[in-house]
Amino acid sequence: MPPTDHPAGDRANRPVDEAEDTLELPLRIQDGVLAQQWAPEAPDAPAHPDDAAPGELLDDPERWGPTTTPRGALRLVPVRVGRDAALISRWMNDPAVAAFWHLAGPESVTADHLRAQLDGDGRSVPCLGVLDDVPVGYFELYRADLDPLARHYPARPHDTGIHLLIGGVADRGRGIGSTLLRAVADLVLDRRPHCTRVVAEPDLRNAPSVAAFLSGGFRFAAEVDLPDKRVALMVRDRVLRTVL
């Protein structure tokens, strides 16, 4: 979850100091309807003009495949603006999410945020977290070593960052955020052999986000002052993943 809260604008290409954090455990208000409305395209579906192939800087999350969690099978599905903007915008307009991501407003606000990443160089990839074929959250995977965040901590080559929001209130406080964070961090470490650690930078004021990272196998590394906030630098290390 960066962090599990999130900012407006191009998170991948704007300074971290202007960005918000990531893990908010938002409201899941219309899950039944949302599950019925969302469906991935068939493999041979025509490309949408807004769609872009995931970049090579993150080793193509679209090809990583599913991973098993205690909550079911989890897949990371790269976002398609035409298919997913309405759903993600609905989540962003939840007050609990908007307080950290600052993407409330018309669907175009979220769509612009997604396009900024999809039109970039691939250092940030927006994805849906799909659990047993139901989208339950929104992830942004990004190259932390290529991000302005790297100016504020001793970055290593191929450090990979995670931002996450959980899309429904029914999942708040049930440990789903922690489960997904652990699963996706381990998926990154499994699929990105050059990456030695996964990082996140939730706002220290976002206690549920920090707690979710700790429960999800991350360790607290440091408090870091960014120009607009103080964050908790959270790290999941490859060498410690079997003990945390």
C-alpha atoms as a PDB file:
ATOM      1  CA  MET A   1       0.000   0.000   0.000  1.00  0.00           C
ATOM      2  CA  PRO A   2       2.994   4.292  -2.023  1.00  0.00           C
ATOM      3  CA  PRO A   3       2.289   3.507  -0.589  1.00  0.00           C
ATOM      4  CA  THR A   4      -1.342   2.712  -0.072  1.00  0.00           C
ATOM      5  CA  ASP A   5      -2.651   6.094  -0.494  1.00  0.00           C
ATOM      6  CA  HIS A   6      -2.180   8.025  -3.590  1.00  0.00           C
ATOM      7  CA  PRO A   7      -1.636  11.262  -5.409  1.00  0.00           C
ATOM      8  CA  ALA A   8      -3.027  13.033  -8.399  1.00  0.00           C
ATOM      9  CA  GLY A   9      -1.079  13.420 -11.568  1.00  0.00           C
ATOM     10  CA  ASP A  10       1.709  11.354 -13.015  1.00  0.00           C
ATOM     11  CA  ARG A  11       3.115   9.480 -10.021  1.00  0.00           C
ATOM     12  CA  ALA A  12       5.836   7.929 -12.159  1.00  0.00           C
ATOM     13  CA  ASN A  13       7.130  11.128 -13.677  1.00  0.00           C
ATOM     14  CA  ARG A  14       6.482  13.752 -11.008  1.00  0.00           C
ATOM     15  CA  PRO A  15       8.676  14.322  -7.974  1.00  0.00           C
ATOM     16  CA  VAL A  16       7.896  12.123  -5.037  1.00  0.00           C
ATOM     17  CA  ASP A  17       7.804  15.240  -2.972  1.00  0.00           C
ATOM     18  CA  GLU A  18       4.579  16.221  -4.744  1.00  0.00           C
ATOM     19  CA  ALA A  19       3.010  12.797  -4.430  1.00  0.00           C
ATOM     20  CA  GLU A  20       0.835  11.361  -1.703  1.00  0.00           C
ATOM     21  CA  ASP A  21       1.045   7.931  -0.219  1.00  0.00           C
ATOM     22  CA  THR A  22      -0.620   4.807  -0.904  1.00  0.00           C
ATOM     23  CA  LEU A  23      -2.280   2.221   1.214  1.00  0.00           C
ATOM     24  CA  GLU A  24      -5.715   3.284   2.163  1.00  0.00           C
ATOM     25  CA  LEU A  25      -8.207   0.576   3.001  1.00  0.00           C
ATOM     26  CA  PRO A  26     -11.130   2.117   1.129  1.00  0.00           C
ATOM     27  CA  LEU A  27     -14.790   1.456   0.868  1.00  0.00           C
ATOM     28  CA  ARG A  28     -16.066  -1.470  -1.112  1.00  0.00           C
ATOM     29  CA  ILE A  29     -19.492  -0.109  -1.815  1.00  0.00           C
ATOM     30  CA  GLN A  30     -20.936  -1.976  -4.768  1.00  0.00           C
ATOM     31  CA  ASP A  31     -18.905  -5.124  -5.081  1.00  0.00           C
ATOM     32  CA  GLY A  32     -21.631  -7.289  -6.521  1.00  0.00           C
ATOM     33  CA  VAL A  33     -22.347  -4.809  -9.281  1.00  0.00           C
ATOM     34  CA  LEU A  34     -18.697  -4.113  -9.911  1.00  0.00           C
ATOM     35  CA  ALA A  35     -17.839  -7.783 -10.203  1.00  0.00           C
ATOM     36  CA  GLN A  36     -20.556  -8.248 -12.801  1.00  0.00           C
ATOM     37  CA  GLN A  37     -19.476  -5.218 -14.817  1.00  0.00           C
ATOM     38  CA  TRP A  38     -15.743  -5.966 -14.931  1.00  0.00           C
ATOM     39  CA  ALA A  39     -14.289  -8.588 -17.207  1.00  0.00           C
ATOM     40  CA  PRO A  40     -10.898  -8.874 -18.876  1.00  0.00           C
ATOM     41  CA  GLU A  41     -10.797  -8.740 -22.632  1.00  0.00           C
ATOM     42  CA  ALA A  42     -10.492 -11.945 -24.582  1.00  0.00           C
ATOM     43  CA  PRO A  43      -6.916 -12.610 -25.747  1.00  0.00           C
ATOM     44  CA  ASP A  44      -7.797 -11.546 -29.283  1.00  0.00           C
ATOM     45  CA  ALA A  45      -9.753  -8.430 -28.325  1.00  0.00           C
ATOM     46  CA  PRO A  46      -8.809  -5.335 -30.363  1.00  0.00           C
ATOM     47  CA  ALA A  47      -6.517  -2.874 -28.638  1.00  0.00           C
ATOM     48  CA  HIS A  48      -8.034   0.280 -27.221  1.00  0.00           C
ATOM     49  CA  PRO A  49      -6.309   3.536 -28.308  1.00  0.00           C
ATOM     50  CA  ASP A  50      -5.403   4.275 -24.675  1.00  0.00           C
ATOM     51  CA  ASP A  51      -3.851   0.875 -24.066  1.00  0.00           C
ATOM     52  CA  ALA A  52      -0.106   0.422 -23.956  1.00  0.00           C
ATOM     53  CA  ALA A  53       2.020  -2.669 -23.513  1.00  0.00           C
ATOM     54  CA  PRO A  54       3.712  -2.834 -20.107  1.00  0.00           C
ATOM     55  CA  GLY A  55       7.268  -1.532 -20.251  1.00  0.00           C
ATOM     56  CA  GLU A  56      10.392  -3.616 -19.899  1.00  0.00           C
ATOM     57  CA  LEU A  57      11.666  -1.668 -16.891  1.00  0.00           C
ATOM     58  CA  LEU A  58       9.440  -3.806 -14.651  1.00  0.00           C
ATOM     59  CA  ASP A  59       9.890  -7.095 -16.504  1.00  0.00           C
ATOM     60  CA  ASP A  60       6.316  -7.108 -17.829  1.00  0.00           C
ATOM     61  CA  PRO A  61       3.894  -7.811 -14.927  1.00  0.00           C
ATOM     62  CA  GLU A  62       1.303  -8.963 -17.460  1.00  0.00           C
ATOM     63  CA  ARG A  63       3.304 -12.159 -17.904  1.00  0.00           C
ATOM     64  CA  TRP A  64       3.870 -12.911 -14.237  1.00  0.00           C
ATOM     65  CA  GLY A  65       0.805 -15.109 -13.911  1.00  0.00           C
ATOM     66  CA  PRO A  66      -1.312 -15.793 -10.804  1.00  0.00           C
ATOM     67  CA  THR A  67      -0.146 -16.452  -7.273  1.00  0.00           C
ATOM     68  CA  THR A  68      -1.942 -18.336  -4.517  1.00  0.00           C
ATOM     69  CA  THR A  69      -2.925 -16.516  -1.326  1.00  0.00           C
ATOM     70  CA  PRO A  70      -4.963 -17.571   1.727  1.00  0.00           C
ATOM     71  CA  ARG A  71      -7.777 -15.485   0.212  1.00  0.00           C
ATOM     72  CA  GLY A  72      -7.710 -17.062  -3.227  1.00  0.00           C
ATOM     73  CA  ALA A  73      -5.856 -16.789  -6.514  1.00  0.00           C
ATOM     74  CA  LEU A  74      -4.452 -13.313  -7.134  1.00  0.00           C
ATOM     75  CA  ARG A  75      -3.555 -11.875 -10.528  1.00  0.00           C
ATOM     76  CA  LEU A  76      -2.113  -8.508 -11.429  1.00  0.00           C
ATOM     77  CA  VAL A  77      -3.949  -7.287 -14.502  1.00  0.00           C
ATOM     78  CA  PRO A  78      -2.396  -4.224 -16.162  1.00  0.00           C
ATOM     79  CA  VAL A  79      -4.959  -1.433 -16.337  1.00  0.00           C
ATOM     80  CA  ARG A  80      -6.781  -0.618 -19.551  1.00  0.00           C
ATOM     81  CA  VAL A  81      -8.206   2.884 -19.404  1.00  0.00           C
ATOM     82  CA  GLY A  82     -11.317   2.149 -21.459  1.00  0.00           C
ATOM     83  CA  ARG A  83     -12.151  -0.890 -19.374  1.00  0.00           C
ATOM     84  CA  ASP A  84     -11.042   0.109 -15.893  1.00  0.00           C
ATOM     85  CA  ALA A  85     -11.138   3.900 -15.428  1.00  0.00           C
ATOM     86  CA  ALA A  86     -14.745   3.973 -14.239  1.00  0.00           C
ATOM     87  CA  LEU A  87     -14.137   1.331 -11.576  1.00  0.00           C
ATOM     88  CA  ILE A  88     -10.912   2.890 -10.312  1.00  0.00           C
ATOM     89  CA  SER A  89     -12.484   6.350 -10.332  1.00  0.00           C
ATOM     90  CA  ARG A  90     -15.321   5.054  -8.152  1.00  0.00           C
ATOM     91  CA  TRP A  91     -12.752   3.821  -5.646  1.00  0.00           C
ATOM     92  CA  MET A  92     -10.830   7.104  -5.816  1.00  0.00           C
ATOM     93  CA  ASN A  93     -13.975   9.021  -4.917  1.00  0.00           C
ATOM     94  CA  ASP A  94     -14.340   7.196  -1.635  1.00  0.00           C
ATOM     95  CA  PRO A  95     -13.488   9.815   1.031  1.00  0.00           C
ATOM     96  CA  ALA A  96     -11.097   7.437   2.809  1.00  0.00           C
ATOM     97  CA  VAL A  97      -9.131   6.972  -0.403  1.00  0.00           C
ATOM     98  CA  ALA A  98      -9.378  10.549  -1.642  1.00  0.00           C
ATOM     99  CA  ALA A  99      -7.754  11.832   1.552  1.00  0.00           C
ATOM    100  CA  PHE A 100      -4.473  10.264   0.462  1.00  0.00           C
ATOM    101  CA  TRP A 101      -4.643   9.765  -3.296  1.00  0.00           C
ATOM    102  CA  HIS A 102      -6.204  13.128  -4.189  1.00  0.00           C
ATOM    103  CA  LEU A 103      -7.865  11.731  -7.321  1.00  0.00           C
ATOM    104  CA  ALA A 104     -11.489  12.397  -6.437  1.00  0.00           C
ATOM    105  CA  GLY A 105     -13.629  14.043  -9.079  1.00  0.00           C
ATOM    106  CA  PRO A 106     -14.885  13.102 -12.531  1.00  0.00           C
ATOM    107  CA  GLU A 107     -13.685   9.936 -14.196  1.00  0.00           C
ATOM    108  CA  SER A 108     -11.372  12.003 -16.392  1.00  0.00           C
ATOM    109  CA  VAL A 109      -9.192  12.803 -13.350  1.00  0.00           C
ATOM    110  CA  THR A 110      -8.434   9.125 -12.802  1.00  0.00           C
ATOM    111  CA  ALA A 111      -8.164   8.452 -16.534  1.00  0.00           C
ATOM    112  CA  ASP A 112      -5.529  11.181 -16.907  1.00  0.00           C
ATOM    113  CA  HIS A 113      -3.581   9.743 -13.972  1.00  0.00           C
ATOM    114  CA  LEU A 114      -3.600   6.302 -15.581  1.00  0.00           C
ATOM    115  CA  ARG A 115      -2.660   7.578 -19.031  1.00  0.00           C
ATOM    116  CA  ALA A 116       0.307   9.485 -17.609  1.00  0.00           C
ATOM    117  CA  GLN A 117       1.770   6.151 -16.521  1.00  0.00           C
ATOM    118  CA  LEU A 118       0.752   4.184 -19.592  1.00  0.00           C
ATOM    119  CA  ASP A 119       2.231   6.825 -21.889  1.00  0.00           C
ATOM    120  CA  GLY A 120       5.482   6.937 -19.915  1.00  0.00           C
ATOM    121  CA  ASP A 121       8.613   4.852 -20.269  1.00  0.00           C
ATOM    122  CA  GLY A 122       7.331   1.882 -18.259  1.00  0.00           C
ATOM    123  CA  ARG A 123       8.867   2.767 -14.913  1.00  0.00           C
ATOM    124  CA  SER A 124       5.388   2.719 -13.330  1.00  0.00           C
ATOM    125  CA  VAL A 125       2.713   0.164 -14.227  1.00  0.00           C
ATOM    126  CA  PRO A 126      -0.877   0.531 -12.946  1.00  0.00           C
ATOM    127  CA  CYS A 127      -2.629  -2.793 -12.303  1.00  0.00           C
ATOM    128  CA  LEU A 128      -5.836  -4.175 -10.898  1.00  0.00           C
ATOM    129  CA  GLY A 129      -5.474  -6.759  -8.160  1.00  0.00           C
ATOM    130  CA  VAL A 130      -7.925  -9.468  -9.201  1.00  0.00           C
ATOM    131  CA  LEU A 131      -8.755 -12.006  -6.505  1.00  0.00           C
ATOM    132  CA  ASP A 132     -10.627 -15.093  -7.707  1.00  0.00           C
ATOM    133  CA  ASP A 133     -11.667 -13.135 -10.818  1.00  0.00           C
ATOM    134  CA  VAL A 134     -13.022 -10.150  -8.849  1.00  0.00           C
ATOM    135  CA  PRO A 135     -11.074  -6.852  -8.863  1.00  0.00           C
ATOM    136  CA  VAL A 136     -10.466  -5.930  -5.228  1.00  0.00           C
ATOM    137  CA  GLY A 137      -7.775  -3.274  -5.422  1.00  0.00           C
ATOM    138  CA  TYR A 138      -5.542  -1.008  -7.434  1.00  0.00           C
ATOM    139  CA  PHE A 139      -1.748  -1.362  -7.514  1.00  0.00           C
ATOM    140  CA  GLU A 140       0.994   0.790  -8.907  1.00  0.00           C
ATOM    141  CA  LEU A 141       4.316  -0.980  -9.293  1.00  0.00           C
ATOM    142  CA  TYR A 142       7.209   1.364  -9.948  1.00  0.00           C
ATOM    143  CA  ARG A 143      10.979   1.418 -10.209  1.00  0.00           C
ATOM    144  CA  ALA A 144      11.862   3.119  -6.946  1.00  0.00           C
ATOM    145  CA  ASP A 145      15.506   3.441  -7.969  1.00  0.00           C
ATOM    146  CA  LEU A 146      14.417   5.530 -10.980  1.00  0.00           C
ATOM    147  CA  ASP A 147      11.860   7.540  -9.002  1.00  0.00           C
ATOM    148  CA  PRO A 148      12.495  10.868  -7.222  1.00  0.00           C
ATOM    149  CA  LEU A 149      12.063   8.854  -4.016  1.00  0.00           C
ATOM    150  CA  ALA A 150      15.603   7.573  -4.623  1.00  0.00           C
ATOM    151  CA  ARG A 151      16.910  11.020  -3.639  1.00  0.00           C
ATOM    152  CA  HIS A 152      15.614  10.428  -0.112  1.00  0.00           C
ATOM    153  CA  TYR A 153      16.915   6.973   0.775  1.00  0.00           C
ATOM    154  CA  PRO A 154      19.922   4.763  -0.180  1.00  0.00           C
ATOM    155  CA  ALA A 155      18.333   3.188  -3.238  1.00  0.00           C
ATOM    156  CA  ARG A 156      19.672   0.027  -4.822  1.00  0.00           C
ATOM    157  CA  PRO A 157      19.440  -0.891  -8.517  1.00  0.00           C
ATOM    158  CA  HIS A 158      16.094  -2.467  -9.386  1.00  0.00           C
ATOM    159  CA  ASP A 159      14.384  -1.498  -6.108  1.00  0.00           C
ATOM    160  CA  THR A 160      10.675  -1.900  -6.829  1.00  0.00           C
ATOM    161  CA  GLY A 161       7.990   0.204  -5.159  1.00  0.00           C
ATOM    162  CA  ILE A 162       4.355  -0.617  -4.416  1.00  0.00           C
ATOM    163  CA  HIS A 163       1.309   1.613  -4.020  1.00  0.00           C
ATOM    164  CA  LEU A 164      -1.990  -0.057  -3.155  1.00  0.00           C
ATOM    165  CA  LEU A 165      -5.559   0.782  -2.361  1.00  0.00           C
ATOM    166  CA  ILE A 166      -8.211  -1.739  -1.408  1.00  0.00           C
ATOM    167  CA  GLY A 167     -11.436  -1.057  -3.230  1.00  0.00           C
ATOM    168  CA  GLY A 168     -14.153  -1.965  -0.744  1.00  0.00           C
ATOM    169  CA  VAL A 169     -15.213  -1.182   2.817  1.00  0.00           C
ATOM    170  CA  ALA A 170     -16.135  -4.841   3.367  1.00  0.00           C
ATOM    171  CA  ASP A 171     -12.432  -5.666   3.185  1.00  0.00           C
ATOM    172  CA  ARG A 172     -11.324  -3.012   5.675  1.00  0.00           C
ATOM    173  CA  GLY A 173      -9.727  -4.406   8.796  1.00  0.00           C
ATOM    174  CA  ARG A 174      -9.920  -8.000   7.617  1.00  0.00           C
ATOM    175  CA  GLY A 175      -6.273  -8.405   6.680  1.00  0.00           C
ATOM    176  CA  ILE A 176      -6.854  -8.435   2.941  1.00  0.00           C
ATOM    177  CA  GLY A 177      -4.493  -5.498   2.404  1.00  0.00           C
ATOM    178  CA  SER A 178      -1.706  -7.292   4.255  1.00  0.00           C
ATOM    179  CA  THR A 179      -2.351 -10.489   2.317  1.00  0.00           C
ATOM    180  CA  LEU A 180      -2.181  -8.725  -1.022  1.00  0.00           C
ATOM    181  CA  LEU A 181       0.916  -6.745  -0.078  1.00  0.00           C
ATOM    182  CA  ARG A 182       2.786  -9.881   0.933  1.00  0.00           C
ATOM    183  CA  ALA A 183       1.659 -11.752  -2.164  1.00  0.00           C
ATOM    184  CA  VAL A 184       2.548  -8.989  -4.617  1.00  0.00           C
ATOM    185  CA  ALA A 185       5.895  -8.242  -2.969  1.00  0.00           C
ATOM    186  CA  ASP A 186       6.803 -11.924  -3.183  1.00  0.00           C
ATOM    187  CA  LEU A 187       5.571 -12.037  -6.774  1.00  0.00           C
ATOM    188  CA  VAL A 188       7.899  -9.145  -7.594  1.00  0.00           C
ATOM    189  CA  LEU A 189      10.836 -10.913  -5.941  1.00  0.00           C
ATOM    190  CA  ASP A 190      10.013 -14.173  -7.735  1.00  0.00           C
ATOM    191  CA  ARG A 191       9.630 -12.612 -11.168  1.00  0.00           C
ATOM    192  CA  ARG A 192      12.313  -9.900 -10.970  1.00  0.00           C
ATOM    193  CA  PRO A 193      15.558 -11.750 -10.182  1.00  0.00           C
ATOM    194  CA  HIS A 194      17.637  -8.551 -10.128  1.00  0.00           C
ATOM    195  CA  CYS A 195      15.373  -6.945  -7.520  1.00  0.00           C
ATOM    196  CA  THR A 196      16.646  -7.531  -3.978  1.00  0.00           C
ATOM    197  CA  ARG A 197      13.911  -5.655  -2.143  1.00  0.00           C
ATOM    198  CA  VAL A 198      10.465  -4.126  -2.460  1.00  0.00           C
ATOM    199  CA  VAL A 199       9.866  -0.720  -0.889  1.00  0.00           C
ATOM    200  CA  ALA A 200       6.940   1.532  -0.023  1.00  0.00           C
ATOM    201  CA  GLU A 201       6.542   4.942   1.587  1.00  0.00           C
ATOM    202  CA  PRO A 202       3.182   5.306   3.351  1.00  0.00           C
ATOM    203  CA  ASP A 203       2.414   8.550   5.104  1.00  0.00           C
ATOM    204  CA  LEU A 204       3.117   8.176   8.822  1.00  0.00           C
ATOM    205  CA  ARG A 205      -0.337   9.602   9.500  1.00  0.00           C
ATOM    206  CA  ASN A 206      -1.892   6.651   7.704  1.00  0.00           C
ATOM    207  CA  ALA A 207      -1.738   4.158  10.556  1.00  0.00           C
ATOM    208  CA  PRO A 208      -3.813   1.442   8.815  1.00  0.00           C
ATOM    209  CA  SER A 209      -1.430   1.545   5.846  1.00  0.00           C
ATOM    210  CA  VAL A 210       1.708   1.264   7.972  1.00  0.00           C
ATOM    211  CA  ALA A 211       0.145  -1.586   9.965  1.00  0.00           C
ATOM    212  CA  ALA A 212      -0.814  -3.412   6.781  1.00  0.00           C
ATOM    213  CA  PHE A 213       2.757  -3.255   5.501  1.00  0.00           C
ATOM    214  CA  LEU A 214       4.103  -4.579   8.801  1.00  0.00           C
ATOM    215  CA  SER A 215       1.603  -7.436   8.782  1.00  0.00           C
ATOM    216  CA  GLY A 216       2.418  -8.066   5.129  1.00  0.00           C
ATOM    217  CA  GLY A 217       6.063  -8.910   5.801  1.00  0.00           C
ATOM    218  CA  PHE A 218       7.630  -5.489   5.395  1.00  0.00           C
ATOM    219  CA  ARG A 219       9.976  -4.042   7.987  1.00  0.00           C
ATOM    220  CA  PHE A 220      10.078  -0.434   9.099  1.00  0.00           C
ATOM    221  CA  ALA A 221      13.405   0.952   7.818  1.00  0.00           C
ATOM    222  CA  ALA A 222      13.279   4.676   8.605  1.00  0.00           C
ATOM    223  CA  GLU A 223      11.227   7.825   8.876  1.00  0.00           C
ATOM    224  CA  VAL A 224      11.874   9.974   5.825  1.00  0.00           C
ATOM    225  CA  ASP A 225      11.052  13.639   5.401  1.00  0.00           C
ATOM    226  CA  LEU A 226       9.710  14.484   1.978  1.00  0.00           C
ATOM    227  CA  PRO A 227       8.919  18.106   1.130  1.00  0.00           C
ATOM    228  CA  ASP A 228       5.188  17.672   1.761  1.00  0.00           C
ATOM    229  CA  LYS A 229       5.000  14.912   4.352  1.00  0.00           C
ATOM    230  CA  ARG A 230       6.829  12.521   6.638  1.00  0.00           C
ATOM    231  CA  VAL A 231       6.724   8.908   5.530  1.00  0.00           C
ATOM    232  CA  ALA A 232       7.593   5.466   6.824  1.00  0.00           C
ATOM    233  CA  LEU A 233      10.077   3.734   4.551  1.00  0.00           C
ATOM    234  CA  MET A 234       8.911   0.119   4.468  1.00  0.00           C
ATOM    235  CA  VAL A 235      11.073  -2.643   3.000  1.00  0.00           C
ATOM    236  CA  ARG A 236      10.558  -6.308   2.164  1.00  0.00           C
ATOM    237  CA  ASP A 237      13.984  -7.863   1.631  1.00  0.00           C
ATOM    238  CA  ARG A 238      14.604 -10.933  -0.484  1.00  0.00           C
ATOM    239  CA  VAL A 239      16.949 -12.353   2.178  1.00  0.00           C
ATOM    240  CA  LEU A 240      14.399 -11.906   4.980  1.00  0.00           C
ATOM    241  CA  ARG A 241      11.226 -12.922   3.193  1.00  0.00           C
ATOM    242  CA  THR A 242      11.141 -16.396   4.775  1.00  0.00           C
ATOM    243  CA  VAL A 243      11.274 -15.008   8.317  1.00  0.00           C
ATOM    244  CA  LEU A 244       8.958 -11.988   8.052  1.00  0.00           C
END
